[in-house]
Structure formats: C-alpha cells, structure tokens
Amino acid sequence: MNRAATRIVALLTGLALAAPAMAAWKEVADGTPFVHKNSGYSIQYPAGWRWIKLPFGDETIASRDGPSIHAISVDYRKHRKAFRALNQDSTPDMAPQELAQKIIAEATQARQLQNVEILSDEPVVVAGRPGFRVLFSYRTAVDAGSLRYREFVVGTNSPQGIFIISYRAPVLQYFDRDVETFEKALATFTIADKAPKR
C-alpha cells in the first residue's frame, strides 16, 4: 500500500471510530432480514455486518468496518417533505427519473457534496416496481476530509412514500471491494403492499 493509501486508511479508521458507538449497533444474522413495519420494506443486510436505525427519520444503515468506510442503507420517506434540504414534497405519481434527480440534488445540498458527477443513470425494476439506479461520484466537504466517494442510489415510488437503497464507499480501496455484497443485499429488498394512510 502506498503512502497516500495508508493516510486515507488511517483517516477513515479515525472517522469510523468517531461514528456512533458500535455497542448500539446490532449484528446481522444470516436469514434474518430487517423488516421496517411502518413502510413494509425488508432487506437482508450482509451477515456479520452491523446495522442500526438512525435516530431521525426512517433510515437504517449497515456496515462491517464503520459507516465512514462503507455503508449500505435503506431510507423510507413519506411524500410530505421527502426532500427536506430542498423544502419539497414528492408525489405518488413522480416518475423514477424525476425522483432520481431530486434525490441527488438533495444529497448534494444536505451533505455538502462537491464535484458531483453522474457516472450512470438507468431505469430498473425495484421490488417489482418501476425505479431508477444512479451511480455518482463526489468529494466530501473539506471539513469531512475531502475524500472521493462513489455511491449507488437505487429507488422507487409508492402510494405511501419513496424508498431509497444506497451503497457508498471511498473510491480508494473500499468501493469495489463490497459492490458484489451490495448487489446481493439489493436483490433481497422487498416491499409489502400497504394502503396509503389518510
């Protein structure tokens, strides 16, 4: 490993240690998918990784080495204020590509991403529904280390809200390592039919 890579690994390790205490995280058991009761989605996160439900919103995140090093996450958002950083709603009839554009714009603003570049953008089927799949790259803000990341964002719409599945990791060392693991987890993602709440 060259000097630059060694420095990046040291920085990422420090960031991972500064993340929420791993004691609050739960270990993923093989054959025991996470089920989000409010929205009806389920996903089998990778066995041996740890997962946590974030204290705000309806997002869960899983990681093996720490969320600053790599993470798979699922976020469920009701339509009202779905894009908080943009102060905008989503709608049940919003097309997948429009949804993708809003999600990337919001992530860019909320997380202060820099040098955002869309690498691919294609329609896909997500849990039997029309959806999108975007691969983009960016740098984090200078105060977050200005690291270059790649991120897959896969999403779909429903009458009750939107579902966003993502995988992100620094380009150097980590992104390629766990892409296949992400694909396996993504293949287990399902959404139970639920009537929208009035």
C-alpha atoms as a PDB file:
ATOM      1  CA  MET A   1       0.000   0.000   0.000  1.00  0.00           C
ATOM      2  CA  ASN A   2       1.430   3.368  -0.972  1.00  0.00           C
ATOM      3  CA  ARG A   3       1.756   6.366   1.372  1.00  0.00           C
ATOM      4  CA  ALA A   4      -1.400   8.120   0.172  1.00  0.00           C
ATOM      5  CA  ALA A   5      -3.452   4.958   0.642  1.00  0.00           C
ATOM      6  CA  THR A   6      -2.013   4.473   4.132  1.00  0.00           C
ATOM      7  CA  ARG A   7      -3.008   8.032   5.078  1.00  0.00           C
ATOM      8  CA  ILE A   8      -6.525   7.550   3.719  1.00  0.00           C
ATOM      9  CA  VAL A   9      -6.948   4.284   5.646  1.00  0.00           C
ATOM     10  CA  ALA A  10      -5.758   5.985   8.853  1.00  0.00           C
ATOM     11  CA  LEU A  11      -8.193   8.868   8.323  1.00  0.00           C
ATOM     12  CA  LEU A  12     -11.098   6.529   7.614  1.00  0.00           C
ATOM     13  CA  THR A  13     -10.313   4.455  10.678  1.00  0.00           C
ATOM     14  CA  GLY A  14     -10.404   7.585  12.813  1.00  0.00           C
ATOM     15  CA  LEU A  15     -13.720   8.639  11.281  1.00  0.00           C
ATOM     16  CA  ALA A  16     -15.173   5.177  11.826  1.00  0.00           C
ATOM     17  CA  LEU A  17     -14.179   5.279  15.489  1.00  0.00           C
ATOM     18  CA  ALA A  18     -15.852   8.662  15.822  1.00  0.00           C
ATOM     19  CA  ALA A  19     -19.126   7.202  14.485  1.00  0.00           C
ATOM     20  CA  PRO A  20     -21.904   6.155  16.883  1.00  0.00           C
ATOM     21  CA  ALA A  21     -20.672   3.555  19.355  1.00  0.00           C
ATOM     22  CA  MET A  22     -20.769   0.103  17.770  1.00  0.00           C
ATOM     23  CA  ALA A  23     -22.333  -1.216  21.002  1.00  0.00           C
ATOM     24  CA  ALA A  24     -25.581   0.476  19.879  1.00  0.00           C
ATOM     25  CA  TRP A  25     -25.438  -1.444  16.610  1.00  0.00           C
ATOM     26  CA  LYS A  26     -26.882  -4.936  16.165  1.00  0.00           C
ATOM     27  CA  GLU A  27     -25.134  -7.760  14.376  1.00  0.00           C
ATOM     28  CA  VAL A  28     -26.813  -9.041  11.213  1.00  0.00           C
ATOM     29  CA  ALA A  29     -27.761 -12.701  11.339  1.00  0.00           C
ATOM     30  CA  ASP A  30     -27.930 -14.668   8.091  1.00  0.00           C
ATOM     31  CA  GLY A  31     -31.520 -15.494   7.182  1.00  0.00           C
ATOM     32  CA  THR A  32     -32.935 -12.750   9.417  1.00  0.00           C
ATOM     33  CA  PRO A  33     -33.888  -9.801   7.220  1.00  0.00           C
ATOM     34  CA  PHE A  34     -34.596  -6.406   8.695  1.00  0.00           C
ATOM     35  CA  VAL A  35     -38.303  -5.572   8.373  1.00  0.00           C
ATOM     36  CA  HIS A  36     -39.489  -1.970   8.569  1.00  0.00           C
ATOM     37  CA  LYS A  37     -43.018  -2.294   9.925  1.00  0.00           C
ATOM     38  CA  ASN A  38     -44.258   1.225   9.125  1.00  0.00           C
ATOM     39  CA  SER A  39     -43.497   1.032   5.404  1.00  0.00           C
ATOM     40  CA  GLY A  40     -43.421  -2.723   4.786  1.00  0.00           C
ATOM     41  CA  TYR A  41     -39.946  -2.985   3.286  1.00  0.00           C
ATOM     42  CA  SER A  42     -37.486  -5.708   4.176  1.00  0.00           C
ATOM     43  CA  ILE A  43     -33.841  -6.337   3.323  1.00  0.00           C
ATOM     44  CA  GLN A  44     -31.270  -8.937   4.256  1.00  0.00           C
ATOM     45  CA  TYR A  45     -28.209  -6.947   5.187  1.00  0.00           C
ATOM     46  CA  PRO A  46     -24.909  -8.852   4.842  1.00  0.00           C
ATOM     47  CA  ALA A  47     -24.364 -11.450   7.565  1.00  0.00           C
ATOM     48  CA  GLY A  48     -21.674 -10.448  10.043  1.00  0.00           C
ATOM     49  CA  TRP A  49     -22.158  -6.731   9.374  1.00  0.00           C
ATOM     50  CA  ARG A  50     -23.813  -4.474  11.955  1.00  0.00           C
ATOM     51  CA  TRP A  51     -26.905  -2.350  11.467  1.00  0.00           C
ATOM     52  CA  ILE A  52     -28.653   0.477  13.254  1.00  0.00           C
ATOM     53  CA  LYS A  53     -31.812   2.511  12.800  1.00  0.00           C
ATOM     54  CA  LEU A  54     -30.818   6.136  12.759  1.00  0.00           C
ATOM     55  CA  PRO A  55     -32.446   8.245  15.485  1.00  0.00           C
ATOM     56  CA  PHE A  56     -34.043  10.590  12.948  1.00  0.00           C
ATOM     57  CA  GLY A  57     -36.377   9.585  10.137  1.00  0.00           C
ATOM     58  CA  ASP A  58     -36.879   6.041   8.890  1.00  0.00           C
ATOM     59  CA  GLU A  59     -33.369   5.177   7.697  1.00  0.00           C
ATOM     60  CA  THR A  60     -31.394   2.063   8.575  1.00  0.00           C
ATOM     61  CA  ILE A  61     -27.714   1.660   7.834  1.00  0.00           C
ATOM     62  CA  ALA A  62     -25.416  -1.374   7.808  1.00  0.00           C
ATOM     63  CA  SER A  63     -21.628  -1.548   7.774  1.00  0.00           C
ATOM     64  CA  ARG A  64     -18.875  -4.012   8.532  1.00  0.00           C
ATOM     65  CA  ASP A  65     -15.964  -1.646   9.122  1.00  0.00           C
ATOM     66  CA  GLY A  66     -17.785   1.577  10.060  1.00  0.00           C
ATOM     67  CA  PRO A  67     -20.096   3.923   8.138  1.00  0.00           C
ATOM     68  CA  SER A  68     -17.297   6.291   7.145  1.00  0.00           C
ATOM     69  CA  ILE A  69     -15.544   3.415   5.391  1.00  0.00           C
ATOM     70  CA  HIS A  70     -18.569   1.897   3.681  1.00  0.00           C
ATOM     71  CA  ALA A  71     -22.318   1.621   4.197  1.00  0.00           C
ATOM     72  CA  ILE A  72     -25.456   0.115   2.751  1.00  0.00           C
ATOM     73  CA  SER A  73     -28.581   1.989   3.757  1.00  0.00           C
ATOM     74  CA  VAL A  74     -32.314   1.995   3.178  1.00  0.00           C
ATOM     75  CA  ASP A  75     -34.320   5.167   3.660  1.00  0.00           C
ATOM     76  CA  TYR A  76     -38.108   5.331   3.607  1.00  0.00           C
ATOM     77  CA  ARG A  77     -39.634   8.800   3.280  1.00  0.00           C
ATOM     78  CA  LYS A  78     -43.268   9.809   3.319  1.00  0.00           C
ATOM     79  CA  HIS A  79     -44.159  12.135   0.458  1.00  0.00           C
ATOM     80  CA  ARG A  80     -44.626  15.209   2.633  1.00  0.00           C
ATOM     81  CA  LYS A  81     -41.250  16.956   2.923  1.00  0.00           C
ATOM     82  CA  ALA A  82     -39.497  13.975   1.317  1.00  0.00           C
ATOM     83  CA  PHE A  83     -36.740  16.333   0.191  1.00  0.00           C
ATOM     84  CA  ARG A  84     -36.174  18.341   3.374  1.00  0.00           C
ATOM     85  CA  ALA A  85     -32.980  20.052   2.205  1.00  0.00           C
ATOM     86  CA  LEU A  86     -34.873  21.320  -0.847  1.00  0.00           C
ATOM     87  CA  ASN A  87     -38.059  22.031   1.145  1.00  0.00           C
ATOM     88  CA  GLN A  88     -40.062  19.968  -1.371  1.00  0.00           C
ATOM     89  CA  ASP A  89     -42.524  17.083  -1.349  1.00  0.00           C
ATOM     90  CA  SER A  90     -42.546  14.013  -3.528  1.00  0.00           C
ATOM     91  CA  THR A  91     -45.778  12.697  -5.046  1.00  0.00           C
ATOM     92  CA  PRO A  92     -47.073   9.163  -5.693  1.00  0.00           C
ATOM     93  CA  ASP A  93     -47.046   9.810  -9.448  1.00  0.00           C
ATOM     94  CA  MET A  94     -43.498  11.208  -9.630  1.00  0.00           C
ATOM     95  CA  ALA A  95     -41.570   9.410 -12.395  1.00  0.00           C
ATOM     96  CA  PRO A  96     -38.457   7.416 -11.367  1.00  0.00           C
ATOM     97  CA  GLN A  97     -36.009   9.674 -13.231  1.00  0.00           C
ATOM     98  CA  GLU A  98     -37.522  12.810 -11.715  1.00  0.00           C
ATOM     99  CA  LEU A  99     -37.252  11.162  -8.310  1.00  0.00           C
ATOM    100  CA  ALA A 100     -33.594  10.328  -9.002  1.00  0.00           C
ATOM    101  CA  GLN A 101     -32.786  13.940  -9.898  1.00  0.00           C
ATOM    102  CA  LYS A 102     -34.410  15.231  -6.709  1.00  0.00           C
ATOM    103  CA  ILE A 103     -32.618  12.681  -4.522  1.00  0.00           C
ATOM    104  CA  ILE A 104     -29.192  13.533  -5.962  1.00  0.00           C
ATOM    105  CA  ALA A 105     -29.879  17.277  -5.691  1.00  0.00           C
ATOM    106  CA  GLU A 106     -30.961  16.881  -2.088  1.00  0.00           C
ATOM    107  CA  ALA A 107     -27.981  14.691  -1.144  1.00  0.00           C
ATOM    108  CA  THR A 108     -25.644  17.237  -2.727  1.00  0.00           C
ATOM    109  CA  GLN A 109     -27.126  20.073  -0.703  1.00  0.00           C
ATOM    110  CA  ALA A 110     -27.768  18.294   2.614  1.00  0.00           C
ATOM    111  CA  ARG A 111     -24.354  16.588   2.747  1.00  0.00           C
ATOM    112  CA  GLN A 112     -22.427  19.481   1.118  1.00  0.00           C
ATOM    113  CA  LEU A 113     -21.041  17.213  -1.589  1.00  0.00           C
ATOM    114  CA  GLN A 114     -18.526  18.651  -4.022  1.00  0.00           C
ATOM    115  CA  ASN A 115     -17.535  17.799  -7.607  1.00  0.00           C
ATOM    116  CA  VAL A 116     -20.640  15.643  -8.100  1.00  0.00           C
ATOM    117  CA  GLU A 117     -20.506  13.626 -11.318  1.00  0.00           C
ATOM    118  CA  ILE A 118     -23.227  11.265 -12.569  1.00  0.00           C
ATOM    119  CA  LEU A 119     -21.493   8.139 -13.903  1.00  0.00           C
ATOM    120  CA  SER A 120     -24.619   6.205 -14.921  1.00  0.00           C
ATOM    121  CA  ASP A 121     -28.372   6.682 -14.695  1.00  0.00           C
ATOM    122  CA  GLU A 122     -30.757   3.970 -15.796  1.00  0.00           C
ATOM    123  CA  PRO A 123     -34.313   2.731 -15.254  1.00  0.00           C
ATOM    124  CA  VAL A 124     -34.597  -0.519 -13.278  1.00  0.00           C
ATOM    125  CA  VAL A 125     -37.229  -2.598 -11.523  1.00  0.00           C
ATOM    126  CA  VAL A 126     -37.045  -2.336  -7.722  1.00  0.00           C
ATOM    127  CA  ALA A 127     -39.089  -4.831  -5.701  1.00  0.00           C
ATOM    128  CA  GLY A 128     -41.374  -5.286  -8.720  1.00  0.00           C
ATOM    129  CA  ARG A 129     -41.887  -1.534  -9.215  1.00  0.00           C
ATOM    130  CA  PRO A 130     -40.511   0.935 -11.772  1.00  0.00           C
ATOM    131  CA  GLY A 131     -37.418   2.543 -10.344  1.00  0.00           C
ATOM    132  CA  PHE A 132     -34.051   4.095 -11.046  1.00  0.00           C
ATOM    133  CA  ARG A 133     -30.409   3.271 -10.460  1.00  0.00           C
ATOM    134  CA  VAL A 134     -27.795   6.025 -10.361  1.00  0.00           C
ATOM    135  CA  LEU A 135     -24.055   5.734  -9.849  1.00  0.00           C
ATOM    136  CA  PHE A 136     -22.381   9.010  -8.962  1.00  0.00           C
ATOM    137  CA  SER A 137     -19.093  10.217  -7.556  1.00  0.00           C
ATOM    138  CA  TYR A 138     -18.273  13.172  -5.339  1.00  0.00           C
ATOM    139  CA  ARG A 139     -15.903  14.603  -2.812  1.00  0.00           C
ATOM    140  CA  THR A 140     -16.901  15.226   0.764  1.00  0.00           C
ATOM    141  CA  ALA A 141     -16.572  18.720   2.193  1.00  0.00           C
ATOM    142  CA  VAL A 142     -13.083  19.789   3.282  1.00  0.00           C
ATOM    143  CA  ASP A 143     -14.034  19.576   6.965  1.00  0.00           C
ATOM    144  CA  ALA A 144     -15.085  15.953   6.346  1.00  0.00           C
ATOM    145  CA  GLY A 145     -11.702  15.066   4.842  1.00  0.00           C
ATOM    146  CA  SER A 146     -12.464  15.863   1.184  1.00  0.00           C
ATOM    147  CA  LEU A 147     -12.449  12.174   0.282  1.00  0.00           C
ATOM    148  CA  ARG A 148     -13.571  10.925  -3.121  1.00  0.00           C
ATOM    149  CA  TYR A 149     -16.558   8.570  -2.873  1.00  0.00           C
ATOM    150  CA  ARG A 150     -18.715   6.614  -5.252  1.00  0.00           C
ATOM    151  CA  GLU A 151     -22.319   5.874  -4.422  1.00  0.00           C
ATOM    152  CA  PHE A 152     -25.091   3.760  -5.909  1.00  0.00           C
ATOM    153  CA  VAL A 153     -28.583   5.084  -5.271  1.00  0.00           C
ATOM    154  CA  VAL A 154     -31.499   2.850  -6.209  1.00  0.00           C
ATOM    155  CA  GLY A 155     -35.060   3.960  -5.603  1.00  0.00           C
ATOM    156  CA  THR A 156     -38.735   3.583  -6.299  1.00  0.00           C
ATOM    157  CA  ASN A 157     -42.019   5.261  -5.560  1.00  0.00           C
ATOM    158  CA  SER A 158     -45.206   4.020  -3.900  1.00  0.00           C
ATOM    159  CA  PRO A 159     -48.558   5.451  -2.795  1.00  0.00           C
ATOM    160  CA  GLN A 160     -47.276   5.851   0.776  1.00  0.00           C
ATOM    161  CA  GLY A 161     -43.780   7.211   0.115  1.00  0.00           C
ATOM    162  CA  ILE A 162     -40.407   6.690  -1.545  1.00  0.00           C
ATOM    163  CA  PHE A 163     -37.774   4.031  -0.924  1.00  0.00           C
ATOM    164  CA  ILE A 164     -34.054   4.712  -1.387  1.00  0.00           C
ATOM    165  CA  ILE A 165     -31.404   1.982  -1.189  1.00  0.00           C
ATOM    166  CA  SER A 166     -27.794   3.118  -1.368  1.00  0.00           C
ATOM    167  CA  TYR A 167     -24.230   1.905  -1.122  1.00  0.00           C
ATOM    168  CA  ARG A 168     -21.312   4.288  -0.653  1.00  0.00           C
ATOM    169  CA  ALA A 169     -17.605   3.981  -0.012  1.00  0.00           C
ATOM    170  CA  PRO A 170     -14.381   5.830  -0.806  1.00  0.00           C
ATOM    171  CA  VAL A 171     -13.116   5.068  -4.292  1.00  0.00           C
ATOM    172  CA  LEU A 172      -9.650   4.238  -2.969  1.00  0.00           C
ATOM    173  CA  GLN A 173      -9.521   0.709  -1.512  1.00  0.00           C
ATOM    174  CA  TYR A 174     -13.157   0.235  -0.486  1.00  0.00           C
ATOM    175  CA  PHE A 175     -15.815   0.851  -3.143  1.00  0.00           C
ATOM    176  CA  ASP A 176     -15.019  -2.051  -5.482  1.00  0.00           C
ATOM    177  CA  ARG A 177     -14.480  -4.428  -2.564  1.00  0.00           C
ATOM    178  CA  ASP A 178     -18.137  -4.507  -1.495  1.00  0.00           C
ATOM    179  CA  VAL A 179     -20.105  -3.833  -4.683  1.00  0.00           C
ATOM    180  CA  GLU A 180     -20.992  -7.526  -5.034  1.00  0.00           C
ATOM    181  CA  THR A 181     -22.104  -7.624  -1.387  1.00  0.00           C
ATOM    182  CA  PHE A 182     -24.368  -4.650  -2.046  1.00  0.00           C
ATOM    183  CA  GLU A 183     -25.859  -6.325  -5.121  1.00  0.00           C
ATOM    184  CA  LYS A 184     -26.722  -9.416  -3.060  1.00  0.00           C
ATOM    185  CA  ALA A 185     -28.395  -7.312  -0.375  1.00  0.00           C
ATOM    186  CA  LEU A 186     -30.269  -5.279  -3.001  1.00  0.00           C
ATOM    187  CA  ALA A 187     -31.633  -8.479  -4.548  1.00  0.00           C
ATOM    188  CA  THR A 188     -33.349  -9.293  -1.220  1.00  0.00           C
ATOM    189  CA  PHE A 189     -35.151  -5.936  -0.987  1.00  0.00           C
ATOM    190  CA  THR A 190     -38.944  -6.290  -0.994  1.00  0.00           C
ATOM    191  CA  ILE A 191     -41.903  -4.014  -0.291  1.00  0.00           C
ATOM    192  CA  ALA A 192     -45.164  -5.323   1.143  1.00  0.00           C
ATOM    193  CA  ASP A 193     -48.301  -3.751  -0.305  1.00  0.00           C
ATOM    194  CA  LYS A 194     -49.759  -1.196   2.086  1.00  0.00           C
ATOM    195  CA  ALA A 195     -52.605   1.245   1.611  1.00  0.00           C
ATOM    196  CA  PRO A 196     -51.605   4.890   1.938  1.00  0.00           C
ATOM    197  CA  LYS A 197     -52.568   6.497   5.264  1.00  0.00           C
ATOM    198  CA  ARG A 198     -55.162   9.253   5.037  1.00  0.00           C
END
